[in-house]
PDB file of N, CA and C in Angstrom:
ATOM      1  N   MET A   1     -42.465 127.166 -12.778  1.00  0.00           N
ATOM      2  CA  MET A   1     -40.750 126.821 -12.465  1.00  0.00           C
ATOM      3  C   MET A   1     -40.754 127.494 -11.144  1.00  0.00           C
ATOM      4  N   ALA A   2     -40.764 125.888  -9.949  1.00  0.00           N
ATOM      5  CA  ALA A   2     -40.423 126.493  -8.859  1.00  0.00           C
ATOM      6  C   ALA A   2     -38.926 126.391  -8.665  1.00  0.00           C
ATOM      7  N   THR A   3     -38.086 126.964  -7.872  1.00  0.00           N
ATOM      8  CA  THR A   3     -36.548 126.785  -7.088  1.00  0.00           C
ATOM      9  C   THR A   3     -36.949 126.846  -5.424  1.00  0.00           C
ATOM     10  N   VAL A   4     -36.470 125.149  -5.232  1.00  0.00           N
ATOM     11  CA  VAL A   4     -36.244 124.408  -3.901  1.00  0.00           C
ATOM     12  C   VAL A   4     -34.794 124.473  -3.760  1.00  0.00           C
ATOM     13  N   THR A   5     -34.013 125.305  -2.090  1.00  0.00           N
ATOM     14  CA  THR A   5     -32.996 125.195  -2.025  1.00  0.00           C
ATOM     15  C   THR A   5     -32.650 123.485  -0.896  1.00  0.00           C
ATOM     16  N   LEU A   6     -32.286 122.459  -1.504  1.00  0.00           N
ATOM     17  CA  LEU A   6     -31.942 121.437  -0.401  1.00  0.00           C
ATOM     18  C   LEU A   6     -30.896 121.550   0.213  1.00  0.00           C
ATOM     19  N   LEU A   7     -30.879 121.034   1.384  1.00  0.00           N
ATOM     20  CA  LEU A   7     -29.737 121.038   2.508  1.00  0.00           C
ATOM     21  C   LEU A   7     -28.667 119.787   1.489  1.00  0.00           C
ATOM     22  N   PRO A   8     -27.516 119.917   2.319  1.00  0.00           N
ATOM     23  CA  PRO A   8     -26.735 118.959   1.447  1.00  0.00           C
ATOM     24  C   PRO A   8     -27.638 117.377   2.376  1.00  0.00           C
ATOM     25  N   LYS A   9     -27.559 117.223   3.177  1.00  0.00           N
ATOM     26  CA  LYS A   9     -28.180 115.775   2.908  1.00  0.00           C
ATOM     27  C   LYS A   9     -29.021 115.391   2.237  1.00  0.00           C
ATOM     28  N   ALA A  10     -30.631 115.939   2.496  1.00  0.00           N
ATOM     29  CA  ALA A  10     -31.418 116.156   1.089  1.00  0.00           C
ATOM     30  C   ALA A  10     -30.359 116.348  -0.008  1.00  0.00           C
ATOM     31  N   ALA A  11     -29.829 116.567  -0.821  1.00  0.00           N
ATOM     32  CA  ALA A  11     -29.084 117.139  -1.381  1.00  0.00           C
ATOM     33  C   ALA A  11     -28.569 115.775  -2.064  1.00  0.00           C
ATOM     34  N   ALA A  12     -27.957 115.422  -1.516  1.00  0.00           N
ATOM     35  CA  ALA A  12     -26.816 113.758  -1.250  1.00  0.00           C
ATOM     36  C   ALA A  12     -28.140 112.808  -1.437  1.00  0.00           C
ATOM     37  N   ASP A  13     -29.187 112.791  -0.906  1.00  0.00           N
ATOM     38  CA  ASP A  13     -30.223 111.896  -0.083  1.00  0.00           C
ATOM     39  C   ASP A  13     -30.575 111.677  -2.337  1.00  0.00           C
ATOM     40  N   LEU A  14     -30.935 112.954  -2.880  1.00  0.00           N
ATOM     41  CA  LEU A  14     -31.315 112.793  -4.152  1.00  0.00           C
ATOM     42  C   LEU A  14     -30.192 111.731  -5.406  1.00  0.00           C
ATOM     43  N   ILE A  15     -28.653 112.565  -5.503  1.00  0.00           N
ATOM     44  CA  ILE A  15     -28.099 111.759  -6.441  1.00  0.00           C
ATOM     45  C   ILE A  15     -27.503 111.453  -5.762  1.00  0.00           C
ATOM     46  N   CYS A  16     -27.460 109.899  -4.688  1.00  0.00           N
ATOM     47  CA  CYS A  16     -26.711 108.785  -4.120  1.00  0.00           C
ATOM     48  C   CYS A  16     -27.583 108.091  -3.773  1.00  0.00           C
ATOM     49  N   HIS A  17     -28.305 107.667  -5.360  1.00  0.00           N
ATOM     50  CA  HIS A  17     -30.256 106.710  -5.243  1.00  0.00           C
ATOM     51  C   HIS A  17     -29.158 105.345  -6.053  1.00  0.00           C
ATOM     52  N   ASP A  18     -29.252 104.929  -5.190  1.00  0.00           N
ATOM     53  CA  ASP A  18     -29.088 103.080  -5.037  1.00  0.00           C
ATOM     54  C   ASP A  18     -28.354 102.424  -6.511  1.00  0.00           C
ATOM     55  N   GLU A  19     -29.420 103.037  -7.993  1.00  0.00           N
ATOM     56  CA  GLU A  19     -28.993 102.525  -8.776  1.00  0.00           C
ATOM     57  C   GLU A  19     -27.436 103.621  -9.192  1.00  0.00           C
ATOM     58  N   GLN A  20     -27.717 105.067  -8.913  1.00  0.00           N
ATOM     59  CA  GLN A  20     -26.173 105.729  -9.535  1.00  0.00           C
ATOM     60  C   GLN A  20     -25.284 105.096  -8.226  1.00  0.00           C
ATOM     61  N   MET A  21     -25.416 104.804  -7.245  1.00  0.00           N
ATOM     62  CA  MET A  21     -24.671 104.232  -6.103  1.00  0.00           C
ATOM     63  C   MET A  21     -23.464 102.799  -6.538  1.00  0.00           C
ATOM     64  N   THR A  22     -24.782 102.100  -6.845  1.00  0.00           N
ATOM     65  CA  THR A  22     -23.933 100.435  -7.552  1.00  0.00           C
ATOM     66  C   THR A  22     -23.167 101.097  -8.707  1.00  0.00           C
ATOM     67  N   ILE A  23     -23.710 102.648  -9.906  1.00  0.00           N
ATOM     68  CA  ILE A  23     -22.671 102.401 -10.590  1.00  0.00           C
ATOM     69  C   ILE A  23     -20.850 103.021 -10.256  1.00  0.00           C
ATOM     70  N   TRP A  24     -20.965 104.308  -9.626  1.00  0.00           N
ATOM     71  CA  TRP A  24     -20.039 105.281  -9.345  1.00  0.00           C
ATOM     72  C   TRP A  24     -18.870 103.933  -8.648  1.00  0.00           C
ATOM     73  N   SER A  25     -19.500 102.733  -7.717  1.00  0.00           N
ATOM     74  CA  SER A  25     -18.656 102.322  -6.629  1.00  0.00           C
ATOM     75  C   SER A  25     -18.206 100.861  -7.411  1.00  0.00           C
ATOM     76  N   GLY A  26     -19.134 101.004  -8.627  1.00  0.00           N
ATOM     77  CA  GLY A  26     -18.244 100.006  -9.982  1.00  0.00           C
ATOM     78  C   GLY A  26     -17.723 100.208 -10.549  1.00  0.00           C
ATOM     79  N   ASP A  27     -17.791 101.152 -10.008  1.00  0.00           N
ATOM     80  CA  ASP A  27     -16.041 102.830 -11.283  1.00  0.00           C
ATOM     81  C   ASP A  27     -14.947 102.438 -10.531  1.00  0.00           C
ATOM     82  N   PHE A  28     -15.046 103.022  -9.211  1.00  0.00           N
ATOM     83  CA  PHE A  28     -14.565 103.177  -8.513  1.00  0.00           C
ATOM     84  C   PHE A  28     -13.816 101.664  -7.845  1.00  0.00           C
ATOM     85  N   VAL A  29     -14.218 101.221  -7.709  1.00  0.00           N
ATOM     86  CA  VAL A  29     -13.839  99.019  -7.745  1.00  0.00           C
ATOM     87  C   VAL A  29     -13.220  98.674  -9.258  1.00  0.00           C
ATOM     88  N   GLY A  30     -13.935  99.727 -10.248  1.00  0.00           N
ATOM     89  CA  GLY A  30     -12.882  98.939 -11.803  1.00  0.00           C
ATOM     90  C   GLY A  30     -11.702  99.559 -11.439  1.00  0.00           C
ATOM     91  N   ALA A  31     -11.364 101.027 -11.474  1.00  0.00           N
ATOM     92  CA  ALA A  31     -10.483 101.363 -11.442  1.00  0.00           C
ATOM     93  C   ALA A  31      -9.020 100.907 -10.952  1.00  0.00           C
ATOM     94  N   LEU A  32      -9.391 100.193  -9.936  1.00  0.00           N
ATOM     95  CA  LEU A  32      -8.624  99.782  -8.377  1.00  0.00           C
ATOM     96  C   LEU A  32      -8.368  98.175  -8.477  1.00  0.00           C
ATOM     97  N   SER A  33      -8.644  97.310  -9.028  1.00  0.00           N
ATOM     98  CA  SER A  33      -8.641  96.744  -9.252  1.00  0.00           C
ATOM     99  C   SER A  33      -7.725  96.581 -10.664  1.00  0.00           C
ATOM    100  N   LEU A  34      -8.386  97.854 -11.820  1.00  0.00           N
ATOM    101  CA  LEU A  34      -7.064  97.450 -13.157  1.00  0.00           C
ATOM    102  C   LEU A  34      -5.775  98.273 -12.321  1.00  0.00           C
ATOM    103  N   SER A  35      -6.274  99.262 -11.926  1.00  0.00           N
ATOM    104  CA  SER A  35      -4.705  99.608 -10.891  1.00  0.00           C
ATOM    105  C   SER A  35      -4.204  99.069 -10.698  1.00  0.00           C
ATOM    106  N   GLY A  36      -4.185  97.751  -9.752  1.00  0.00           N
ATOM    107  CA  GLY A  36      -2.891  96.545  -9.746  1.00  0.00           C
ATOM    108  C   GLY A  36      -3.075  96.978  -7.845  1.00  0.00           C
ATOM    109  N   PHE A  37      -4.633  97.024  -7.249  1.00  0.00           N
ATOM    110  CA  PHE A  37      -4.490  97.560  -5.916  1.00  0.00           C
ATOM    111  C   PHE A  37      -5.342  96.886  -5.372  1.00  0.00           C
ATOM    112  N   LEU A  38      -5.418  95.960  -5.772  1.00  0.00           N
ATOM    113  CA  LEU A  38      -6.661  95.201  -5.189  1.00  0.00           C
ATOM    114  C   LEU A  38      -5.864  93.620  -4.998  1.00  0.00           C
ATOM    115  N   ARG A  39      -6.173  92.599  -4.584  1.00  0.00           N
ATOM    116  CA  ARG A  39      -5.915  91.544  -4.197  1.00  0.00           C
ATOM    117  C   ARG A  39      -6.735  90.382  -5.443  1.00  0.00           C
ATOM    118  N   THR A  40      -5.968  89.763  -5.761  1.00  0.00           N
ATOM    119  CA  THR A  40      -7.140  88.827  -6.894  1.00  0.00           C
ATOM    120  C   THR A  40      -7.554  87.851  -6.201  1.00  0.00           C
ATOM    121  N   ASP A  41      -7.350  87.491  -4.663  1.00  0.00           N
ATOM    122  CA  ASP A  41      -7.889  86.136  -4.525  1.00  0.00           C
ATOM    123  C   ASP A  41      -8.881  86.592  -3.597  1.00  0.00           C
ATOM    124  N   LEU A  42      -9.503  87.932  -3.682  1.00  0.00           N
ATOM    125  CA  LEU A  42     -11.246  88.080  -2.920  1.00  0.00           C
ATOM    126  C   LEU A  42     -12.116  87.491  -2.975  1.00  0.00           C
ATOM    127  N   GLU A  43     -12.616  86.990  -2.159  1.00  0.00           N
ATOM    128  CA  GLU A  43     -13.473  86.110  -2.428  1.00  0.00           C
ATOM    129  C   GLU A  43     -15.093  86.674  -1.912  1.00  0.00           C
ATOM    130  N   TYR A  44     -16.372  86.124  -3.053  1.00  0.00           N
ATOM    131  CA  TYR A  44     -17.616  86.815  -3.044  1.00  0.00           C
ATOM    132  C   TYR A  44     -17.915  88.304  -2.049  1.00  0.00           C
ATOM    133  N   HIS A  45     -18.031  87.474  -0.856  1.00  0.00           N
ATOM    134  CA  HIS A  45     -18.850  88.440   0.246  1.00  0.00           C
ATOM    135  C   HIS A  45     -17.914  89.871   1.038  1.00  0.00           C
ATOM    136  N   GLU A  46     -15.923  89.260   0.065  1.00  0.00           N
ATOM    137  CA  GLU A  46     -15.558  90.915   0.265  1.00  0.00           C
ATOM    138  C   GLU A  46     -15.177  91.804  -0.473  1.00  0.00           C
ATOM    139  N   VAL A  47     -15.769  91.260  -2.192  1.00  0.00           N
ATOM    140  CA  VAL A  47     -15.813  91.971  -3.186  1.00  0.00           C
ATOM    141  C   VAL A  47     -17.168  93.275  -2.231  1.00  0.00           C
ATOM    142  N   ALA A  48     -18.457  92.084  -2.146  1.00  0.00           N
ATOM    143  CA  ALA A  48     -19.406  92.890  -2.471  1.00  0.00           C
ATOM    144  C   ALA A  48     -19.573  94.273  -0.618  1.00  0.00           C
ATOM    145  N   GLU A  49     -18.889  93.264   0.133  1.00  0.00           N
ATOM    146  CA  GLU A  49     -18.355  94.892   1.611  1.00  0.00           C
ATOM    147  C   GLU A  49     -17.177  95.776   0.304  1.00  0.00           C
ATOM    148  N   LEU A  50     -16.575  95.588   0.020  1.00  0.00           N
ATOM    149  CA  LEU A  50     -15.800  97.073  -1.059  1.00  0.00           C
ATOM    150  C   LEU A  50     -16.540  97.634  -1.724  1.00  0.00           C
ATOM    151  N   HIS A  51     -17.599  96.876  -2.384  1.00  0.00           N
ATOM    152  CA  HIS A  51     -18.295  97.693  -3.538  1.00  0.00           C
ATOM    153  C   HIS A  51     -19.538  98.845  -2.041  1.00  0.00           C
ATOM    154  N   GLU A  52     -19.853  98.369  -0.911  1.00  0.00           N
ATOM    155  CA  GLU A  52     -20.435  99.304  -0.208  1.00  0.00           C
ATOM    156  C   GLU A  52     -19.968  99.744   0.362  1.00  0.00           C
ATOM    157  N   VAL A  53     -18.407 100.075   0.663  1.00  0.00           N
ATOM    158  CA  VAL A  53     -17.684 100.634   1.328  1.00  0.00           C
ATOM    159  C   VAL A  53     -16.884 101.859   1.207  1.00  0.00           C
ATOM    160  N   VAL A  54     -17.069 101.094  -0.816  1.00  0.00           N
ATOM    161  CA  VAL A  54     -16.610 102.452  -1.416  1.00  0.00           C
ATOM    162  C   VAL A  54     -18.252 103.367  -1.661  1.00  0.00           C
ATOM    163  N   ALA A  55     -19.015 102.690  -1.936  1.00  0.00           N
ATOM    164  CA  ALA A  55     -20.123 103.530  -1.709  1.00  0.00           C
ATOM    165  C   ALA A  55     -20.784 104.075  -0.816  1.00  0.00           C
ATOM    166  N   ARG A  56     -20.677 103.969   0.242  1.00  0.00           N
ATOM    167  CA  ARG A  56     -20.572 105.223   1.829  1.00  0.00           C
ATOM    168  C   ARG A  56     -20.150 105.889   1.768  1.00  0.00           C
ATOM    169  N   GLU A  57     -18.018 105.396   1.118  1.00  0.00           N
ATOM    170  CA  GLU A  57     -17.527 107.615   1.123  1.00  0.00           C
ATOM    171  C   GLU A  57     -17.543 108.191   0.083  1.00  0.00           C
ATOM    172  N   ILE A  58     -18.174 107.420  -1.277  1.00  0.00           N
ATOM    173  CA  ILE A  58     -18.727 108.708  -1.736  1.00  0.00           C
ATOM    174  C   ILE A  58     -19.292 109.325  -1.882  1.00  0.00           C
ATOM    175  N   ARG A  59     -20.628 108.527  -0.964  1.00  0.00           N
ATOM    176  CA  ARG A  59     -21.876 109.274   0.101  1.00  0.00           C
ATOM    177  C   ARG A  59     -21.084 110.348   0.655  1.00  0.00           C
ATOM    178  N   SER A  60     -20.391 109.682   1.276  1.00  0.00           N
ATOM    179  CA  SER A  60     -19.917 110.968   2.887  1.00  0.00           C
ATOM    180  C   SER A  60     -19.431 112.328   1.786  1.00  0.00           C
ATOM    181  N   VAL A  61     -18.157 111.749   0.894  1.00  0.00           N
ATOM    182  CA  VAL A  61     -18.066 112.795   0.113  1.00  0.00           C
ATOM    183  C   VAL A  61     -18.738 113.781  -0.127  1.00  0.00           C
ATOM    184  N   ILE A  62     -20.003 113.525  -1.224  1.00  0.00           N
ATOM    185  CA  ILE A  62     -20.963 113.667  -1.188  1.00  0.00           C
ATOM    186  C   ILE A  62     -21.675 114.882  -1.031  1.00  0.00           C
ATOM    187  N   GLU A  63     -21.772 114.594   0.630  1.00  0.00           N
ATOM    188  CA  GLU A  63     -22.457 115.134   1.255  1.00  0.00           C
ATOM    189  C   GLU A  63     -21.395 116.403   1.821  1.00  0.00           C
ATOM    190  N   MET A  64     -20.334 115.900   2.445  1.00  0.00           N
ATOM    191  CA  MET A  64     -19.246 117.482   2.503  1.00  0.00           C
ATOM    192  C   MET A  64     -18.701 117.905   1.821  1.00  0.00           C
ATOM    193  N   ALA A  65     -19.241 118.180   0.056  1.00  0.00           N
ATOM    194  CA  ALA A  65     -18.274 118.889  -0.818  1.00  0.00           C
ATOM    195  C   ALA A  65     -19.840 119.307  -1.072  1.00  0.00           C
ATOM    196  N   LEU A  66     -21.480 118.467  -0.609  1.00  0.00           N
ATOM    197  CA  LEU A  66     -22.603 120.312  -0.594  1.00  0.00           C
ATOM    198  C   LEU A  66     -22.559 120.757   0.365  1.00  0.00           C
ATOM    199  N   GLY A  67     -21.798 120.906   1.677  1.00  0.00           N
ATOM    200  CA  GLY A  67     -22.099 121.335   2.882  1.00  0.00           C
ATOM    201  C   GLY A  67     -21.403 122.015   2.833  1.00  0.00           C
ATOM    202  N   HIS A  68     -20.725 122.295   2.084  1.00  0.00           N
ATOM    203  CA  HIS A  68     -18.781 123.100   1.583  1.00  0.00           C
ATOM    204  C   HIS A  68     -19.921 124.892   1.780  1.00  0.00           C
ATOM    205  N   PRO A  69     -19.259 125.622   2.840  1.00  0.00           N
ATOM    206  CA  PRO A  69     -19.998 126.828   2.623  1.00  0.00           C
ATOM    207  C   PRO A  69     -19.148 127.631   0.985  1.00  0.00           C
ATOM    208  N   GLU A  70     -19.235 127.442   0.314  1.00  0.00           N
ATOM    209  CA  GLU A  70     -18.891 128.096  -1.282  1.00  0.00           C
ATOM    210  C   GLU A  70     -20.254 126.989  -1.954  1.00  0.00           C
ATOM    211  N   ALA A  71     -20.254 126.288  -1.367  1.00  0.00           N
ATOM    212  CA  ALA A  71     -21.691 125.145  -2.429  1.00  0.00           C
ATOM    213  C   ALA A  71     -22.478 125.361  -1.933  1.00  0.00           C
ATOM    214  N   ARG A  72     -23.900 125.448  -3.131  1.00  0.00           N
ATOM    215  CA  ARG A  72     -25.193 125.680  -3.004  1.00  0.00           C
ATOM    216  C   ARG A  72     -25.326 124.891  -3.528  1.00  0.00           C
ATOM    217  N   THR A  73     -26.955 124.174  -3.583  1.00  0.00           N
ATOM    218  CA  THR A  73     -28.135 123.286  -3.962  1.00  0.00           C
ATOM    219  C   THR A  73     -29.550 123.528  -4.545  1.00  0.00           C
ATOM    220  N   VAL A  74     -29.324 123.994  -6.072  1.00  0.00           N
ATOM    221  CA  VAL A  74     -30.492 124.080  -5.853  1.00  0.00           C
ATOM    222  C   VAL A  74     -30.970 123.232  -7.541  1.00  0.00           C
ATOM    223  N   VAL A  75     -32.652 122.247  -7.002  1.00  0.00           N
ATOM    224  CA  VAL A  75     -33.388 121.675  -7.459  1.00  0.00           C
ATOM    225  C   VAL A  75     -34.532 122.198  -8.297  1.00  0.00           C
ATOM    226  N   LYS A  76     -34.641 122.603  -9.919  1.00  0.00           N
ATOM    227  CA  LYS A  76     -35.921 123.065 -10.073  1.00  0.00           C
ATOM    228  C   LYS A  76     -37.138 121.364 -10.402  1.00  0.00           C
ATOM    229  N   VAL A  77     -37.563 122.568  -9.973  1.00  0.00           N
ATOM    230  CA  VAL A  77     -39.045 121.407 -10.073  1.00  0.00           C
ATOM    231  C   VAL A  77     -39.675 122.785 -10.962  1.00  0.00           C
TER     232      VAL A  77
END
């Protein structure tokens, strides 16, 4: 078994694939909605854009976390 150390962007690319981002952004948007932080009259394109914005921000946070000096990302292959 080899150990590969990934740079933060490469690790985020591995973690933040489309299916995972759809799940995470849906969880965040659902939590915001259930907590009353979203309008009830959002149009379809606004909901789609909201999911894209949330996914982008989740990815940004993950990249920053993995890039933190105290973080080290290791993948065993």
